[in-house]
Amino acid sequence: MATGSRRVVIIGGGHNGLVTAFYLARAGYAPVVLERRGIIGGAAVTEEIHPGFRCPSIFHTLGPLLPQVVKDLALENHGLQKTQADVELVALHPDGRALRIHADPQKTASELAVFSDHDAKNYPRFHSVMTRLGSAIRPLISVTPPDIDHLKIGDYMNLGRFGLTFRGLERPDAYRLLRWGPMAVADFAAEWFENELLRSAVAARGIFGVFAGPWSAGTTIGLLLQAAFGGDAVVIRGGPGALTEALGKAASAAGAQIRTNSAVARIRVKNGKAAAVVLESGEELTADAVISNADPRRTFLELVDATDLDPGFLAKVRAYRAAGCVAKVNLALSGVPQFAGLSSHIHIGPDIDYLERAFDAAKYGEFSAQPYMDITIPSLTDPSLAPGGSHVMSVHVQYAPYRLKSGDWNARRDELGDTVVNALAAYAPNIRSLIVHRQVITPRDMEQTYGLTGGHIFHGEHALDQLFAFRPFLGWAQYRTPIHGLYLCGSGTHPGGGITGAPGANAAREIIKDLGK
């Protein structure tokens, strides 16, 4: 029976670690969250980049959060405030055109009429189909993937329920679901739309955060995952940091202990079981279970001694693809940039070929001179993030490979920053004169400062061979590991990255099962 005396140690105070901590505390255990930095949140933090200017450091869009997590943690009672924007995204073209994508598909269709009658007619149908398919996939988000070689009765039941849902789809939708998963997102977008700006905005959702271009096979899976979570991301007043602060308050209120500035040096294993964690300070915490919110490669290649793992398992870990391709440029601005279509969320990547050329650079070890940029200006909807009349801009930059062919990231940091500002200036001519401060976060910084091995924001590639029963490894997709009492709860587990809370919630369910035995 679960008791508060049974201590569970969670490595990493990112959003999934905090969600896991909440559920374990609610179940009567005594979770201790150890965060290496001085603040909780991991890659979902809002930090001061210049006196008076607070900006999302890595992730600037959240979710969609798993509804059950929002409900169970009562996040609104802990200060979480959502903001609503009628325009979800503005896609910009260098010639000054701006395409506004609304939450309401009919409004988007009206905007599209200026660009293409064909696309204006197709967009509501596209939105409807994606909504239906998302509903069909959604049950898989909150289940524990099966061990294909050792199926249990629960696995058969979960797969059976999904099979019934699949059979309930109309035949065209069932065909689409089977066909689209392995498809290149560029082909997918072309089947629906003829306007390049719209095609690019849709395709970008499939390649966001992954080392793949729009013509890469399997990239449509990113759109299907987003649909399964219920659509586009949410905007939080105070940025990502406000969300993780609310998660931390919920976990603490349930009984979890959260310790910052507590970097873990290693996991001590005794007789094949995780027995304790050793901090860099030398302090040792014994535990009935150890849960790592770190990515799989960091957990098994850095925190666990290689002698405690089977060589075959270690080979799987080393083969796990987690080379990042994203950089961040955060700007403190003295005024409003003159974008043709000003919005709190902006897409720059005017056509499919533009996106593919940006990826081409990364394939050969260079960052793109004309990057795909996903931009938010959170201060437009939340003025508290900057002094009066000023703004902050968060720029997600793709592609910027973890390993450069020439030079290193420390030497080329300013070059990347200049490249991004130059690319922005083509769309907002006054941007240079507004910059008060510039922060450039390279893939190496993401690894060293935020603990993202390889600089990968999702803890590993979102690809068909690294999702569901294959995430992180075939045979080990159930949040457990070959070391008894050691679990994973981060974005390197099902259903993957993004600020959803689903991996943390799923992991907690399995851990509670084991601890209750």
Protein backbone atom coordinates (compact mmCIF):
# COMPACT_ATOMS: atom_id res chain seq x y z
CA MET A 1 0.00 0.00 0.00
CA ALA A 2 1.30 3.47 -0.89
CA THR A 3 2.51 5.55 2.03
CA GLY A 4 4.11 8.93 2.35
CA SER A 5 7.23 7.28 3.78
CA ARG A 6 8.10 5.79 0.42
CA ARG A 7 10.38 8.33 -1.21
CA VAL A 8 10.47 8.79 -4.96
CA VAL A 9 13.16 10.95 -6.56
CA ILE A 10 12.41 12.76 -9.81
CA ILE A 11 15.38 14.04 -11.79
CA GLY A 12 14.50 17.29 -13.56
CA GLY A 13 11.92 19.96 -12.79
CA GLY A 14 10.59 20.33 -16.32
CA HIS A 15 6.87 20.24 -17.00
CA ASN A 16 6.62 16.45 -17.25
CA GLY A 17 8.60 15.93 -14.07
CA LEU A 18 6.25 18.28 -12.23
CA VAL A 19 3.16 16.53 -13.62
CA THR A 20 4.55 13.16 -12.53
CA ALA A 21 5.34 14.59 -9.10
CA PHE A 22 1.76 15.79 -8.68
CA TYR A 23 0.19 12.43 -9.45
CA LEU A 24 2.62 10.53 -7.22
CA ALA A 25 2.05 12.95 -4.35
CA ARG A 26 -1.71 12.66 -4.79
CA ALA A 27 -1.35 8.87 -4.63
CA GLY A 28 0.32 9.15 -1.23
CA TYR A 29 3.99 8.89 -2.10
CA ALA A 30 6.70 11.39 -1.18
CA PRO A 31 8.21 12.69 -4.44
CA VAL A 32 11.31 14.88 -4.34
CA VAL A 33 11.96 16.84 -7.55
CA LEU A 34 15.61 17.74 -8.17
CA GLU A 35 16.17 20.60 -10.63
CA ARG A 36 19.70 21.46 -11.69
CA ARG A 37 18.95 25.13 -12.42
CA GLY A 38 17.79 27.84 -10.06
CA ILE A 39 14.27 27.81 -11.54
CA ILE A 40 11.87 25.04 -12.45
CA GLY A 41 10.47 24.56 -15.92
CA GLY A 42 13.25 23.05 -18.01
CA ALA A 43 12.75 24.26 -21.58
CA ALA A 44 9.39 25.84 -20.70
CA VAL A 45 10.56 28.94 -18.87
CA THR A 46 10.12 32.69 -19.16
CA GLU A 47 13.34 34.52 -18.23
CA GLU A 48 14.62 38.07 -18.14
CA ILE A 49 16.79 38.69 -21.19
CA HIS A 50 17.38 42.39 -20.41
CA PRO A 51 16.32 44.53 -17.45
CA GLY A 52 12.52 44.71 -17.57
CA PHE A 53 12.18 42.36 -20.58
CA ARG A 54 10.96 38.79 -19.97
CA CYS A 55 10.81 36.34 -22.86
CA PRO A 56 10.18 32.61 -23.40
CA SER A 57 13.65 31.03 -23.47
CA ILE A 58 13.10 27.91 -25.60
CA PHE A 59 9.45 26.95 -26.13
CA HIS A 60 7.14 29.86 -26.83
CA THR A 61 3.98 27.94 -27.64
CA LEU A 62 2.41 25.47 -25.24
CA GLY A 63 0.42 22.32 -25.68
CA PRO A 64 -2.24 21.74 -26.45
CA LEU A 65 -2.14 20.69 -22.79
CA LEU A 66 -3.73 17.37 -22.01
CA PRO A 67 -7.21 18.36 -20.73
CA GLN A 68 -7.08 15.77 -17.95
CA VAL A 69 -3.84 17.30 -16.64
CA VAL A 70 -5.38 20.80 -16.57
CA LYS A 71 -8.40 19.43 -14.72
CA ASP A 72 -6.56 17.20 -12.22
CA LEU A 73 -3.97 19.81 -11.28
CA ALA A 74 -6.60 22.58 -11.13
CA LEU A 75 -4.07 24.87 -12.80
CA GLU A 76 -6.36 27.87 -12.92
CA ASN A 77 -6.48 27.76 -9.12
CA HIS A 78 -2.70 28.09 -9.14
CA GLY A 79 -2.55 31.24 -11.25
CA LEU A 80 -2.75 29.90 -14.81
CA GLN A 81 -4.42 32.41 -17.14
CA LYS A 82 -5.05 31.59 -20.77
CA THR A 83 -5.37 34.33 -23.39
CA GLN A 84 -7.39 34.01 -26.56
CA ALA A 85 -6.48 35.38 -29.98
CA ASP A 86 -8.86 35.29 -32.90
CA VAL A 87 -5.91 35.07 -35.30
CA GLU A 88 -3.86 31.97 -34.47
CA LEU A 89 -1.12 32.55 -37.05
CA VAL A 90 -0.11 35.04 -39.72
CA ALA A 91 1.96 33.68 -42.62
CA LEU A 92 3.99 36.41 -44.32
CA HIS A 93 5.28 36.71 -47.88
CA PRO A 94 8.24 38.92 -48.89
CA ASP A 95 5.99 40.81 -51.34
CA GLY A 96 3.94 42.15 -48.42
CA ARG A 97 1.02 39.73 -48.53
CA ALA A 98 -0.18 38.32 -45.23
CA LEU A 99 -2.38 35.26 -44.75
CA ARG A 100 -4.26 35.14 -41.45
CA ILE A 101 -5.24 31.74 -40.12
CA HIS A 102 -8.07 31.96 -37.61
CA ALA A 103 -9.38 29.56 -35.00
CA ASP A 104 -12.65 29.69 -36.96
CA PRO A 105 -12.12 27.80 -40.27
CA GLN A 106 -14.82 29.86 -41.99
CA LYS A 107 -12.94 33.09 -41.20
CA THR A 108 -9.78 31.51 -42.58
CA ALA A 109 -11.66 30.56 -45.73
CA SER A 110 -12.77 34.17 -46.16
CA GLU A 111 -9.13 35.30 -45.91
CA LEU A 112 -8.10 32.66 -48.44
CA ALA A 113 -10.58 33.90 -51.03
CA VAL A 114 -8.12 36.67 -51.86
CA PHE A 115 -5.40 34.09 -52.55
CA SER A 116 -7.26 31.15 -54.06
CA ASP A 117 -10.92 30.22 -54.54
CA HIS A 118 -9.87 26.57 -54.57
CA ASP A 119 -8.19 26.83 -51.16
CA ALA A 120 -11.01 28.91 -49.70
CA LYS A 121 -13.44 26.10 -50.53
CA ASN A 122 -11.09 23.36 -49.34
CA TYR A 123 -9.95 24.79 -46.02
CA PRO A 124 -13.13 24.10 -43.97
CA ARG A 125 -13.15 20.53 -45.28
CA PHE A 126 -9.45 20.17 -44.39
CA HIS A 127 -10.14 21.45 -40.89
CA SER A 128 -13.09 19.07 -40.49
CA VAL A 129 -11.13 16.02 -41.65
CA MET A 130 -8.19 16.79 -39.35
CA THR A 131 -10.57 17.26 -36.42
CA ARG A 132 -12.19 13.87 -37.05
CA LEU A 133 -8.86 12.08 -37.43
CA GLY A 134 -7.52 13.79 -34.34
CA SER A 135 -10.50 12.50 -32.36
CA ALA A 136 -9.83 8.98 -33.65
CA ILE A 137 -6.16 9.06 -32.64
CA ARG A 138 -6.68 10.88 -29.34
CA PRO A 139 -7.26 7.76 -27.18
CA LEU A 140 -3.74 6.57 -28.03
CA ILE A 141 -2.23 9.69 -26.43
CA SER A 142 -3.13 8.58 -22.92
CA VAL A 143 -2.41 4.86 -23.13
CA THR A 144 0.82 3.05 -22.34
CA PRO A 145 2.27 1.70 -25.58
CA PRO A 146 2.46 -2.09 -25.81
CA ASP A 147 5.59 -4.19 -25.64
CA ILE A 148 5.04 -5.79 -29.03
CA ASP A 149 7.00 -8.94 -28.06
CA HIS A 150 5.15 -9.39 -24.76
CA LEU A 151 1.57 -8.24 -25.17
CA LYS A 152 -0.58 -8.17 -22.02
CA ILE A 153 -4.34 -8.25 -21.66
CA GLY A 154 -4.40 -4.46 -21.18
CA ASP A 155 -2.50 -4.00 -24.44
CA TYR A 156 -5.05 -6.10 -26.31
CA MET A 157 -7.86 -4.07 -24.77
CA ASN A 158 -6.27 -0.73 -25.68
CA LEU A 159 -5.56 -1.85 -29.22
CA GLY A 160 -9.06 -3.30 -29.45
CA ARG A 161 -10.61 0.01 -28.41
CA PHE A 162 -8.55 1.83 -31.02
CA GLY A 163 -9.55 -0.79 -33.60
CA LEU A 164 -13.21 -0.14 -32.85
CA THR A 165 -12.64 3.62 -33.18
CA PHE A 166 -10.84 3.05 -36.47
CA ARG A 167 -13.66 0.86 -37.76
CA GLY A 168 -16.08 3.63 -36.81
CA LEU A 169 -14.38 6.04 -39.20
CA GLU A 170 -15.91 6.55 -42.59
CA ARG A 171 -13.95 4.69 -45.23
CA PRO A 172 -12.32 7.82 -46.75
CA ASP A 173 -11.06 8.91 -43.31
CA ALA A 174 -9.73 5.44 -42.49
CA TYR A 175 -7.88 5.42 -45.81
CA ARG A 176 -6.49 8.89 -45.14
CA LEU A 177 -5.21 7.93 -41.70
CA LEU A 178 -3.36 4.89 -43.03
CA ARG A 179 -1.94 6.76 -45.99
CA TRP A 180 -0.95 10.09 -44.47
CA GLY A 181 1.26 8.93 -41.59
CA PRO A 182 4.21 7.86 -43.80
CA MET A 183 3.70 10.72 -46.28
CA ALA A 184 5.96 13.72 -46.79
CA VAL A 185 4.13 16.76 -45.48
CA ALA A 186 4.86 18.66 -48.70
CA ASP A 187 2.86 16.07 -50.66
CA PHE A 188 0.12 16.18 -48.03
CA ALA A 189 -0.21 19.98 -48.26
CA ALA A 190 -0.18 19.87 -52.07
CA GLU A 191 -3.12 17.45 -52.08
CA TRP A 192 -5.24 20.00 -50.24
CA PHE A 193 -4.06 23.41 -51.37
CA GLU A 194 -2.60 25.26 -54.36
CA ASN A 195 -1.38 28.46 -52.71
CA GLU A 196 2.29 28.15 -51.70
CA LEU A 197 2.02 30.39 -48.65
CA LEU A 198 -0.75 28.24 -47.19
CA ARG A 199 1.03 25.03 -48.16
CA SER A 200 4.12 26.22 -46.35
CA ALA A 201 2.24 27.26 -43.20
CA VAL A 202 0.60 23.83 -43.03
CA ALA A 203 3.81 21.93 -43.84
CA ALA A 204 5.76 23.80 -41.18
CA ARG A 205 3.68 22.09 -38.49
CA GLY A 206 5.04 18.75 -39.65
CA ILE A 207 8.70 19.75 -39.51
CA PHE A 208 8.68 21.93 -36.40
CA GLY A 209 11.56 20.90 -34.14
CA VAL A 210 12.68 17.88 -36.16
CA PHE A 211 15.69 17.21 -38.36
CA ALA A 212 13.65 16.78 -41.53
CA GLY A 213 12.46 18.87 -44.44
CA PRO A 214 8.97 19.06 -45.94
CA TRP A 215 9.91 16.49 -48.57
CA SER A 216 11.14 14.01 -45.93
CA ALA A 217 9.01 10.88 -45.61
CA GLY A 218 6.83 10.61 -42.51
CA THR A 219 6.65 14.31 -41.70
CA THR A 220 2.84 14.40 -41.88
CA ILE A 221 2.89 12.56 -38.55
CA GLY A 222 3.59 15.91 -36.87
CA LEU A 223 0.25 17.29 -38.08
CA LEU A 224 -1.60 14.16 -36.99
CA LEU A 225 -0.04 14.37 -33.52
CA GLN A 226 -1.12 17.99 -33.22
CA ALA A 227 -4.64 17.06 -34.30
CA ALA A 228 -4.73 14.26 -31.72
CA PHE A 229 -4.05 16.76 -28.94
CA GLY A 230 -6.92 18.89 -30.12
CA GLY A 231 -5.48 21.55 -32.39
CA ASP A 232 -3.20 24.52 -32.01
CA ALA A 233 -1.18 25.54 -29.00
CA VAL A 234 -2.48 27.75 -26.22
CA VAL A 235 -1.14 31.11 -25.08
CA ILE A 236 -0.51 31.64 -21.37
CA ARG A 237 -0.31 35.02 -19.67
CA GLY A 238 3.25 35.23 -18.36
CA GLY A 239 4.56 32.81 -20.97
CA PRO A 240 5.69 29.20 -20.51
CA GLY A 241 7.20 30.04 -17.14
CA ALA A 242 3.74 30.86 -15.78
CA LEU A 243 2.57 27.37 -16.73
CA THR A 244 5.47 25.59 -15.04
CA GLU A 245 5.09 27.80 -11.97
CA ALA A 246 1.46 26.68 -11.77
CA LEU A 247 2.52 23.05 -12.22
CA GLY A 248 5.06 23.47 -9.44
CA LYS A 249 2.46 24.98 -7.10
CA ALA A 250 0.03 22.15 -7.84
CA ALA A 251 2.70 19.51 -7.18
CA SER A 252 3.80 21.20 -3.95
CA ALA A 253 0.22 21.57 -2.74
CA ALA A 254 -0.27 17.83 -3.30
CA GLY A 255 2.78 17.07 -1.14
CA ALA A 256 5.78 17.05 -3.48
CA GLN A 257 9.08 18.61 -2.46
CA ILE A 258 10.85 20.67 -5.14
CA ARG A 259 14.55 21.45 -4.82
CA THR A 260 16.36 23.79 -7.23
CA ASN A 261 20.14 24.11 -7.69
CA SER A 262 20.30 20.35 -7.14
CA ALA A 263 22.15 18.85 -10.10
CA VAL A 264 22.28 15.05 -10.18
CA ALA A 265 25.66 13.50 -10.92
CA ARG A 266 24.63 9.86 -11.16
CA ILE A 267 22.05 7.23 -10.35
CA ARG A 268 23.40 4.58 -7.99
CA VAL A 269 22.30 1.05 -8.85
CA LYS A 270 22.50 -1.82 -6.37
CA ASN A 271 21.72 -5.43 -7.31
CA GLY A 272 20.03 -4.32 -10.54
CA LYS A 273 17.77 -1.79 -8.79
CA ALA A 274 17.91 2.00 -8.69
CA ALA A 275 18.81 2.64 -5.05
CA ALA A 276 19.74 6.32 -4.84
CA VAL A 277 20.76 9.45 -6.68
CA VAL A 278 24.01 11.24 -5.99
CA LEU A 279 24.08 15.01 -6.38
CA GLU A 280 27.06 16.95 -7.71
CA SER A 281 27.42 18.32 -4.18
CA GLY A 282 28.06 14.79 -2.95
CA GLU A 283 24.72 14.45 -1.18
CA GLU A 284 23.02 11.09 -1.67
CA LEU A 285 19.26 10.52 -1.59
CA THR A 286 18.02 6.95 -1.25
CA ALA A 287 14.76 6.15 -2.97
CA ASP A 288 12.20 3.44 -3.57
CA ALA A 289 12.04 4.61 -7.18
CA VAL A 290 13.99 7.01 -9.37
CA ILE A 291 12.25 8.79 -12.25
CA SER A 292 14.24 10.63 -14.91
CA ASN A 293 12.70 13.57 -16.68
CA ALA A 294 15.99 13.94 -18.54
CA ASP A 295 16.17 12.69 -22.12
CA PRO A 296 16.96 8.99 -22.74
CA ARG A 297 20.53 9.56 -23.94
CA ARG A 298 21.45 11.72 -20.95
CA THR A 299 19.81 9.27 -18.55
CA PHE A 300 21.52 6.12 -19.80
CA LEU A 301 24.81 7.45 -21.16
CA GLU A 302 25.61 9.99 -18.44
CA LEU A 303 23.66 9.30 -15.25
CA VAL A 304 23.82 5.50 -15.24
CA ASP A 305 27.07 3.53 -15.22
CA ALA A 306 27.49 1.53 -18.43
CA THR A 307 28.25 -1.61 -16.40
CA ASP A 308 24.68 -1.51 -15.06
CA LEU A 309 23.19 -1.90 -18.54
CA ASP A 310 23.20 -4.67 -21.11
CA PRO A 311 25.41 -3.90 -24.16
CA GLY A 312 22.46 -4.59 -26.47
CA PHE A 313 20.35 -2.00 -24.68
CA LEU A 314 23.20 0.51 -24.77
CA ALA A 315 23.40 -0.01 -28.54
CA LYS A 316 19.74 1.02 -28.80
CA VAL A 317 20.41 4.12 -26.74
CA ARG A 318 23.35 5.16 -28.91
CA ALA A 319 21.26 4.61 -32.06
CA TYR A 320 18.44 6.83 -30.77
CA ARG A 321 18.35 9.93 -32.97
CA ALA A 322 18.47 13.16 -31.00
CA ALA A 323 20.54 15.66 -32.97
CA GLY A 324 18.88 19.05 -32.69
CA CYS A 325 18.33 21.50 -35.52
CA VAL A 326 16.80 24.47 -33.70
CA ALA A 327 18.21 27.74 -32.37
CA LYS A 328 16.45 30.57 -30.56
CA VAL A 329 16.91 34.30 -30.97
CA ASN A 330 15.12 36.41 -28.35
CA LEU A 331 14.87 40.16 -28.84
CA ALA A 332 14.10 43.05 -26.53
CA LEU A 333 12.48 45.74 -28.69
CA SER A 334 11.83 49.42 -28.04
CA GLY A 335 8.67 49.44 -30.17
CA VAL A 336 6.41 47.48 -32.49
CA PRO A 337 8.01 45.84 -35.56
CA GLN A 338 6.41 46.84 -38.86
CA PHE A 339 5.27 43.44 -40.13
CA ALA A 340 2.72 43.56 -42.96
CA GLY A 341 0.45 41.36 -40.86
CA LEU A 342 1.16 41.99 -37.21
CA SER A 343 0.17 39.20 -34.87
CA SER A 344 1.38 37.58 -31.67
CA HIS A 345 2.25 34.47 -33.75
CA ILE A 346 3.98 34.79 -37.12
CA HIS A 347 5.22 32.25 -39.68
CA ILE A 348 8.09 33.10 -42.03
CA GLY A 349 8.70 30.55 -44.76
CA PRO A 350 6.82 31.64 -47.88
CA ASP A 351 6.87 28.38 -49.84
CA ILE A 352 7.77 24.70 -49.65
CA ASP A 353 11.03 25.16 -51.55
CA TYR A 354 12.11 27.84 -49.04
CA LEU A 355 11.60 25.35 -46.19
CA GLU A 356 13.46 22.60 -48.04
CA ARG A 357 16.42 24.86 -48.86
CA ALA A 358 16.63 25.81 -45.19
CA PHE A 359 16.83 22.10 -44.35
CA ASP A 360 19.42 21.50 -47.08
CA ALA A 361 21.86 23.78 -45.28
CA ALA A 362 21.55 21.78 -42.05
CA LYS A 363 22.08 18.47 -43.85
CA TYR A 364 25.58 19.65 -44.73
CA GLY A 365 26.46 21.14 -41.37
CA GLU A 366 25.49 24.80 -41.88
CA PHE A 367 22.75 27.00 -40.50
CA SER A 368 20.41 28.44 -43.06
CA ALA A 369 21.00 31.92 -44.46
CA GLN A 370 17.22 32.13 -44.99
CA PRO A 371 15.76 30.19 -42.07
CA TYR A 372 12.25 29.05 -41.44
CA MET A 373 11.13 31.12 -38.45
CA ASP A 374 8.24 30.60 -36.09
CA ILE A 375 7.86 33.89 -34.21
CA THR A 376 5.85 35.04 -31.25
CA ILE A 377 5.54 38.56 -29.85
CA PRO A 378 4.00 37.61 -26.50
CA SER A 379 4.04 41.18 -25.20
CA LEU A 380 1.27 42.08 -27.68
CA THR A 381 -1.17 40.03 -25.61
CA ASP A 382 0.70 40.26 -22.30
CA PRO A 383 2.17 43.76 -21.77
CA SER A 384 3.60 42.72 -18.39
CA LEU A 385 6.52 41.08 -20.21
CA ALA A 386 8.12 44.39 -21.28
CA PRO A 387 8.23 48.05 -20.18
CA GLY A 388 5.46 50.31 -21.47
CA GLY A 389 5.51 50.62 -25.27
CA SER A 390 8.29 48.02 -25.57
CA HIS A 391 8.07 44.41 -26.66
CA VAL A 392 9.81 41.05 -26.63
CA MET A 393 10.11 38.81 -29.66
CA SER A 394 10.82 35.08 -29.51
CA VAL A 395 12.19 33.57 -32.73
CA HIS A 396 12.33 29.79 -33.24
CA VAL A 397 15.01 29.32 -35.92
CA GLN A 398 15.22 26.34 -38.25
CA TYR A 399 17.57 25.03 -39.31
CA ALA A 400 20.64 25.26 -37.08
CA PRO A 401 22.39 21.89 -36.72
CA TYR A 402 23.92 20.77 -33.45
CA ARG A 403 27.16 19.90 -35.26
CA LEU A 404 28.60 22.56 -37.55
CA LYS A 405 30.82 21.58 -40.45
CA SER A 406 33.11 24.56 -39.90
CA GLY A 407 33.80 26.50 -36.73
CA ASP A 408 31.90 26.08 -33.46
CA TRP A 409 28.81 27.65 -32.01
CA ASN A 410 30.63 29.92 -29.58
CA ALA A 411 32.58 31.47 -32.47
CA ARG A 412 29.56 31.70 -34.77
CA ARG A 413 26.89 32.79 -32.31
CA ASP A 414 26.82 36.43 -33.48
CA GLU A 415 26.87 35.32 -37.11
CA LEU A 416 23.68 33.36 -36.49
CA GLY A 417 22.11 36.33 -34.71
CA ASP A 418 22.97 38.64 -37.61
CA THR A 419 21.55 36.14 -40.10
CA VAL A 420 18.24 36.01 -38.25
CA VAL A 421 17.97 39.79 -37.94
CA ASN A 422 18.73 40.18 -41.66
CA ALA A 423 16.02 37.65 -42.50
CA LEU A 424 13.56 39.45 -40.23
CA ALA A 425 14.38 42.82 -41.82
CA ALA A 426 12.99 41.59 -45.15
CA TYR A 427 9.57 41.46 -43.46
CA ALA A 428 9.90 44.17 -40.78
CA PRO A 429 12.15 46.94 -42.18
CA ASN A 430 12.40 48.78 -38.85
CA ILE A 431 13.52 45.78 -36.81
CA ARG A 432 17.20 46.76 -36.53
CA SER A 433 16.43 50.19 -35.07
CA LEU A 434 14.19 48.64 -32.40
CA ILE A 435 16.62 46.10 -30.96
CA VAL A 436 17.58 46.96 -27.40
CA HIS A 437 19.13 43.58 -26.66
CA ARG A 438 19.64 40.29 -28.50
CA GLN A 439 19.95 36.84 -26.95
CA VAL A 440 21.13 33.97 -29.16
CA ILE A 441 20.62 30.44 -27.86
CA THR A 442 22.43 27.84 -29.97
CA PRO A 443 21.83 24.07 -29.95
CA ARG A 444 24.95 23.74 -27.78
CA ASP A 445 23.45 26.19 -25.29
CA MET A 446 20.29 24.11 -25.22
CA GLU A 447 22.38 21.12 -24.23
CA GLN A 448 24.64 22.84 -21.71
CA THR A 449 22.15 25.22 -20.08
CA TYR A 450 18.82 23.46 -20.46
CA GLY A 451 19.97 19.82 -20.40
CA LEU A 452 18.70 18.92 -23.89
CA THR A 453 21.16 16.34 -25.20
CA GLY A 454 22.12 17.16 -28.77
CA GLY A 455 20.13 20.36 -28.44
CA HIS A 456 16.95 18.47 -29.34
CA ILE A 457 13.87 20.25 -28.01
CA PHE A 458 11.76 17.07 -28.16
CA HIS A 459 14.30 14.78 -26.41
CA GLY A 460 14.60 12.90 -29.71
CA GLU A 461 13.23 12.86 -33.24
CA HIS A 462 9.51 12.65 -33.90
CA ALA A 463 9.65 9.98 -36.58
CA LEU A 464 7.63 6.84 -37.26
CA ASP A 465 10.43 4.65 -35.91
CA GLN A 466 10.69 6.71 -32.71
CA LEU A 467 7.04 7.12 -31.75
CA PHE A 468 4.43 5.11 -29.84
CA ALA A 469 5.75 1.54 -29.21
CA PHE A 470 9.16 2.63 -30.51
CA ARG A 471 9.64 5.60 -28.18
CA PRO A 472 12.27 5.68 -26.96
CA PHE A 473 13.14 2.05 -27.84
CA LEU A 474 11.29 -1.02 -29.02
CA GLY A 475 10.48 -3.12 -25.96
CA TRP A 476 10.98 -0.20 -23.57
CA ALA A 477 8.11 2.17 -24.40
CA GLN A 478 6.24 1.58 -21.13
CA TYR A 479 8.17 4.21 -19.08
CA ARG A 480 10.11 1.43 -17.36
CA THR A 481 13.80 0.67 -17.98
CA PRO A 482 16.06 -2.40 -17.70
CA ILE A 483 17.02 -1.17 -14.22
CA HIS A 484 14.32 -2.09 -11.72
CA GLY A 485 12.89 1.00 -10.05
CA LEU A 486 14.22 3.43 -12.68
CA TYR A 487 11.64 5.08 -14.92
CA LEU A 488 11.45 7.72 -17.65
CA CYS A 489 8.78 10.42 -17.71
CA GLY A 490 10.08 13.03 -20.18
CA SER A 491 9.45 13.97 -23.79
CA GLY A 492 11.61 11.05 -24.93
CA THR A 493 8.69 8.79 -24.02
CA HIS A 494 5.23 8.40 -25.58
CA PRO A 495 3.55 10.54 -26.88
CA GLY A 496 6.63 12.73 -27.41
CA GLY A 497 7.69 16.34 -27.11
CA GLY A 498 5.89 19.62 -26.79
CA ILE A 499 4.35 21.09 -23.66
CA THR A 500 1.43 18.67 -23.24
CA GLY A 501 2.03 16.96 -19.89
CA ALA A 502 0.97 13.63 -21.40
CA PRO A 503 4.29 11.75 -20.91
CA GLY A 504 4.40 12.78 -17.26
CA ALA A 505 0.80 11.73 -16.62
CA ASN A 506 1.20 8.40 -18.41
CA ALA A 507 4.46 7.61 -16.61
CA ALA A 508 2.92 8.39 -13.22
CA ARG A 509 0.12 5.90 -13.88
CA GLU A 510 2.59 3.08 -14.55
CA ILE A 511 4.85 3.98 -11.62
CA ILE A 512 1.90 4.01 -9.21
CA LYS A 513 0.90 0.55 -10.47
CA ASP A 514 4.37 -0.80 -9.75
CA LEU A 515 4.81 0.87 -6.37
CA GLY A 516 1.41 -0.35 -5.25
CA LYS A 517 2.30 -3.98 -5.85
